[in-house]
Amino acid sequence: MSATTLRASYTFSAPVLQRFNAVVPHGERSRVMEELMKQALAIREAEMELVAQAFMTDPAFAECRDDEKLWDATVADGLDSAA
């Protein structure tokens, strides 16, 4: 196993795993699971992008954005450095 791969353990219902193992050849299972994970990540990341876009543009969140700017102004105020 190379340094760029990890081994993981997940729990699946027995019927689904048995069907998967019956249909997907042994040498292809990890690749198929990785592709399914990539698809799931793309969907969830797209959903998060929509939420972020709404936050940045929806007038209902204007006060939150203004508050964020106030907090951003304190980033370099020296509170995080040792005296």
N, C-alpha and C. Protein backbone atom coordinates (compact mmCIF):
# COMPACT_ATOMS: atom_id res chain seq x y z
N MET A 1 0.86 -1.19 0.00
CA MET A 1 0.00 0.00 0.00
C MET A 1 0.89 1.23 0.00
N SER A 2 0.63 2.13 -0.95
CA SER A 2 1.46 3.33 -1.04
C SER A 2 1.05 4.36 0.01
N ALA A 3 1.85 5.38 0.17
CA ALA A 3 1.59 6.42 1.17
C ALA A 3 0.38 7.28 0.78
N THR A 4 -0.07 7.19 -0.46
CA THR A 4 -1.19 8.02 -0.90
C THR A 4 -2.53 7.30 -0.78
N THR A 5 -2.54 6.11 -0.23
CA THR A 5 -3.80 5.39 -0.04
C THR A 5 -3.99 5.06 1.43
N LEU A 6 -5.24 4.90 1.79
CA LEU A 6 -5.59 4.52 3.16
C LEU A 6 -6.54 3.34 3.11
N ARG A 7 -6.50 2.52 4.12
CA ARG A 7 -7.43 1.42 4.25
C ARG A 7 -8.48 1.86 5.26
N ALA A 8 -9.75 1.58 4.95
CA ALA A 8 -10.84 2.00 5.83
C ALA A 8 -11.82 0.85 6.02
N SER A 9 -12.59 0.94 7.06
CA SER A 9 -13.61 -0.07 7.34
C SER A 9 -14.95 0.63 7.48
N TYR A 10 -15.94 0.20 6.71
CA TYR A 10 -17.28 0.76 6.75
C TYR A 10 -18.27 -0.38 6.94
N THR A 11 -19.41 -0.07 7.47
CA THR A 11 -20.44 -1.07 7.70
C THR A 11 -21.57 -0.89 6.69
N PHE A 12 -21.93 -1.98 6.02
CA PHE A 12 -23.00 -1.99 5.03
C PHE A 12 -24.01 -3.06 5.42
N SER A 13 -25.24 -2.89 4.96
CA SER A 13 -26.22 -3.95 5.19
C SER A 13 -25.77 -5.19 4.41
N ALA A 14 -26.01 -6.34 4.97
CA ALA A 14 -25.55 -7.59 4.36
C ALA A 14 -26.07 -7.77 2.94
N PRO A 15 -27.36 -7.54 2.68
CA PRO A 15 -27.84 -7.77 1.30
C PRO A 15 -27.15 -6.86 0.28
N VAL A 16 -26.93 -5.60 0.63
CA VAL A 16 -26.28 -4.68 -0.30
C VAL A 16 -24.84 -5.10 -0.55
N LEU A 17 -24.12 -5.42 0.49
CA LEU A 17 -22.72 -5.82 0.33
C LEU A 17 -22.61 -7.13 -0.45
N GLN A 18 -23.50 -8.06 -0.19
CA GLN A 18 -23.47 -9.32 -0.92
C GLN A 18 -23.74 -9.10 -2.41
N ARG A 19 -24.70 -8.26 -2.73
CA ARG A 19 -24.99 -7.95 -4.13
C ARG A 19 -23.80 -7.25 -4.79
N PHE A 20 -23.21 -6.28 -4.06
CA PHE A 20 -22.04 -5.55 -4.57
C PHE A 20 -20.91 -6.53 -4.88
N ASN A 21 -20.61 -7.40 -3.92
CA ASN A 21 -19.52 -8.36 -4.10
C ASN A 21 -19.81 -9.34 -5.23
N ALA A 22 -21.08 -9.64 -5.45
CA ALA A 22 -21.45 -10.57 -6.52
C ALA A 22 -21.31 -9.91 -7.90
N VAL A 23 -21.53 -8.61 -7.96
CA VAL A 23 -21.56 -7.92 -9.25
C VAL A 23 -20.21 -7.28 -9.60
N VAL A 24 -19.51 -6.74 -8.60
CA VAL A 24 -18.25 -6.03 -8.86
C VAL A 24 -17.08 -6.98 -8.57
N PRO A 25 -16.25 -7.23 -9.56
CA PRO A 25 -15.10 -8.13 -9.37
C PRO A 25 -14.16 -7.62 -8.27
N HIS A 26 -13.51 -8.56 -7.61
CA HIS A 26 -12.63 -8.25 -6.48
C HIS A 26 -11.62 -7.15 -6.78
N GLY A 27 -10.98 -7.17 -7.92
CA GLY A 27 -9.96 -6.19 -8.25
C GLY A 27 -10.49 -4.80 -8.57
N GLU A 28 -11.81 -4.65 -8.67
CA GLU A 28 -12.40 -3.36 -9.03
C GLU A 28 -13.15 -2.69 -7.88
N ARG A 29 -13.34 -3.37 -6.78
CA ARG A 29 -14.20 -2.87 -5.70
C ARG A 29 -13.71 -1.56 -5.11
N SER A 30 -12.44 -1.45 -4.83
CA SER A 30 -11.92 -0.21 -4.23
C SER A 30 -12.09 0.96 -5.19
N ARG A 31 -11.81 0.73 -6.48
CA ARG A 31 -11.95 1.80 -7.46
C ARG A 31 -13.41 2.24 -7.58
N VAL A 32 -14.34 1.28 -7.59
CA VAL A 32 -15.76 1.61 -7.68
C VAL A 32 -16.20 2.39 -6.45
N MET A 33 -15.79 1.95 -5.27
CA MET A 33 -16.15 2.66 -4.04
C MET A 33 -15.56 4.06 -4.02
N GLU A 34 -14.34 4.21 -4.50
CA GLU A 34 -13.72 5.54 -4.55
C GLU A 34 -14.51 6.46 -5.48
N GLU A 35 -14.94 5.94 -6.62
CA GLU A 35 -15.74 6.75 -7.55
C GLU A 35 -17.07 7.15 -6.93
N LEU A 36 -17.70 6.23 -6.21
CA LEU A 36 -18.95 6.56 -5.53
C LEU A 36 -18.74 7.62 -4.45
N MET A 37 -17.63 7.53 -3.74
CA MET A 37 -17.31 8.55 -2.73
C MET A 37 -17.07 9.90 -3.38
N LYS A 38 -16.38 9.92 -4.51
CA LYS A 38 -16.14 11.18 -5.22
C LYS A 38 -17.45 11.81 -5.67
N GLN A 39 -18.38 10.98 -6.15
CA GLN A 39 -19.69 11.49 -6.55
C GLN A 39 -20.43 12.09 -5.36
N ALA A 40 -20.41 11.38 -4.23
CA ALA A 40 -21.08 11.87 -3.02
C ALA A 40 -20.45 13.18 -2.55
N LEU A 41 -19.13 13.26 -2.61
CA LEU A 41 -18.44 14.50 -2.21
C LEU A 41 -18.80 15.65 -3.13
N ALA A 42 -18.85 15.40 -4.43
CA ALA A 42 -19.19 16.46 -5.38
C ALA A 42 -20.59 17.00 -5.11
N ILE A 43 -21.53 16.11 -4.83
CA ILE A 43 -22.90 16.54 -4.54
C ILE A 43 -22.94 17.38 -3.27
N ARG A 44 -22.31 16.90 -2.22
CA ARG A 44 -22.33 17.63 -0.95
C ARG A 44 -21.58 18.95 -1.03
N GLU A 45 -20.46 18.96 -1.74
CA GLU A 45 -19.71 20.21 -1.89
C GLU A 45 -20.50 21.23 -2.70
N ALA A 46 -21.23 20.76 -3.70
CA ALA A 46 -22.07 21.67 -4.50
C ALA A 46 -23.17 22.27 -3.62
N GLU A 47 -23.75 21.46 -2.74
CA GLU A 47 -24.77 21.96 -1.82
C GLU A 47 -24.18 23.02 -0.89
N MET A 48 -22.97 22.77 -0.40
CA MET A 48 -22.32 23.74 0.48
C MET A 48 -22.01 25.03 -0.26
N GLU A 49 -21.62 24.92 -1.53
CA GLU A 49 -21.36 26.11 -2.34
C GLU A 49 -22.62 26.94 -2.51
N LEU A 50 -23.77 26.27 -2.68
CA LEU A 50 -25.03 26.99 -2.80
C LEU A 50 -25.36 27.75 -1.52
N VAL A 51 -25.12 27.11 -0.38
CA VAL A 51 -25.36 27.77 0.91
C VAL A 51 -24.43 28.97 1.06
N ALA A 52 -23.17 28.79 0.73
CA ALA A 52 -22.21 29.89 0.83
C ALA A 52 -22.59 31.03 -0.11
N GLN A 53 -23.01 30.68 -1.31
CA GLN A 53 -23.42 31.71 -2.27
C GLN A 53 -24.63 32.48 -1.75
N ALA A 54 -25.58 31.75 -1.17
CA ALA A 54 -26.76 32.41 -0.60
C ALA A 54 -26.35 33.36 0.52
N PHE A 55 -25.43 32.91 1.37
CA PHE A 55 -24.98 33.75 2.47
C PHE A 55 -24.34 35.03 1.94
N MET A 56 -23.56 34.89 0.88
CA MET A 56 -22.82 36.04 0.37
C MET A 56 -23.68 37.00 -0.45
N THR A 57 -24.86 36.58 -0.91
CA THR A 57 -25.64 37.43 -1.79
C THR A 57 -27.06 37.73 -1.31
N ASP A 58 -27.65 36.90 -0.49
CA ASP A 58 -29.03 37.09 -0.08
C ASP A 58 -29.14 38.28 0.87
N PRO A 59 -30.04 39.22 0.59
CA PRO A 59 -30.20 40.38 1.47
C PRO A 59 -30.57 40.00 2.91
N ALA A 60 -31.18 38.86 3.10
CA ALA A 60 -31.56 38.44 4.45
C ALA A 60 -30.34 38.22 5.34
N PHE A 61 -29.18 38.01 4.74
CA PHE A 61 -27.96 37.78 5.52
C PHE A 61 -27.06 39.01 5.58
N ALA A 62 -27.55 40.16 5.19
CA ALA A 62 -26.74 41.37 5.17
C ALA A 62 -26.16 41.70 6.54
N GLU A 63 -26.99 41.58 7.57
CA GLU A 63 -26.50 41.88 8.92
C GLU A 63 -25.39 40.93 9.33
N CYS A 64 -25.51 39.66 8.97
CA CYS A 64 -24.45 38.69 9.28
C CYS A 64 -23.15 39.06 8.57
N ARG A 65 -23.27 39.46 7.31
CA ARG A 65 -22.06 39.85 6.56
C ARG A 65 -21.43 41.10 7.19
N ASP A 66 -22.25 42.04 7.63
CA ASP A 66 -21.72 43.23 8.29
C ASP A 66 -21.01 42.86 9.58
N ASP A 67 -21.60 41.93 10.35
CA ASP A 67 -20.96 41.47 11.58
C ASP A 67 -19.63 40.79 11.29
N GLU A 68 -19.60 40.02 10.20
CA GLU A 68 -18.36 39.34 9.82
C GLU A 68 -17.26 40.37 9.54
N LYS A 69 -17.60 41.45 8.88
CA LYS A 69 -16.62 42.50 8.60
C LYS A 69 -16.07 43.11 9.89
N LEU A 70 -16.94 43.27 10.89
CA LEU A 70 -16.48 43.81 12.17
C LEU A 70 -15.49 42.86 12.82
N TRP A 71 -15.76 41.56 12.77
CA TRP A 71 -14.83 40.58 13.34
C TRP A 71 -13.53 40.54 12.56
N ASP A 72 -13.62 40.64 11.22
CA ASP A 72 -12.41 40.63 10.39
C ASP A 72 -11.48 41.78 10.75
N ALA A 73 -12.04 42.89 11.19
CA ALA A 73 -11.23 44.05 11.56
C ALA A 73 -10.36 43.77 12.78
N THR A 74 -10.72 42.77 13.57
CA THR A 74 -9.96 42.46 14.80
C THR A 74 -8.88 41.41 14.58
N VAL A 75 -8.75 40.89 13.36
CA VAL A 75 -7.80 39.81 13.11
C VAL A 75 -6.38 40.18 13.49
N ALA A 76 -5.97 41.38 13.19
CA ALA A 76 -4.57 41.79 13.45
C ALA A 76 -4.47 42.70 14.67
N ASP A 77 -5.33 42.52 15.65
CA ASP A 77 -5.32 43.44 16.81
C ASP A 77 -4.29 43.05 17.86
N GLY A 78 -3.56 41.98 17.65
CA GLY A 78 -2.49 41.61 18.57
C GLY A 78 -2.92 40.73 19.71
N LEU A 79 -4.16 40.35 19.80
CA LEU A 79 -4.61 39.51 20.90
C LEU A 79 -4.07 38.09 20.84
N ASP A 80 -3.67 37.64 19.67
CA ASP A 80 -3.17 36.28 19.56
C ASP A 80 -1.66 36.16 19.75
N SER A 81 -0.95 37.24 19.94
CA SER A 81 0.49 37.17 20.14
C SER A 81 0.84 37.31 21.62
N ALA A 82 1.93 36.71 22.00
CA ALA A 82 2.39 36.76 23.40
C ALA A 82 2.86 38.17 23.74
N ALA A 83 2.55 38.58 24.95
CA ALA A 83 2.95 39.92 25.39
C ALA A 83 4.36 39.95 25.90
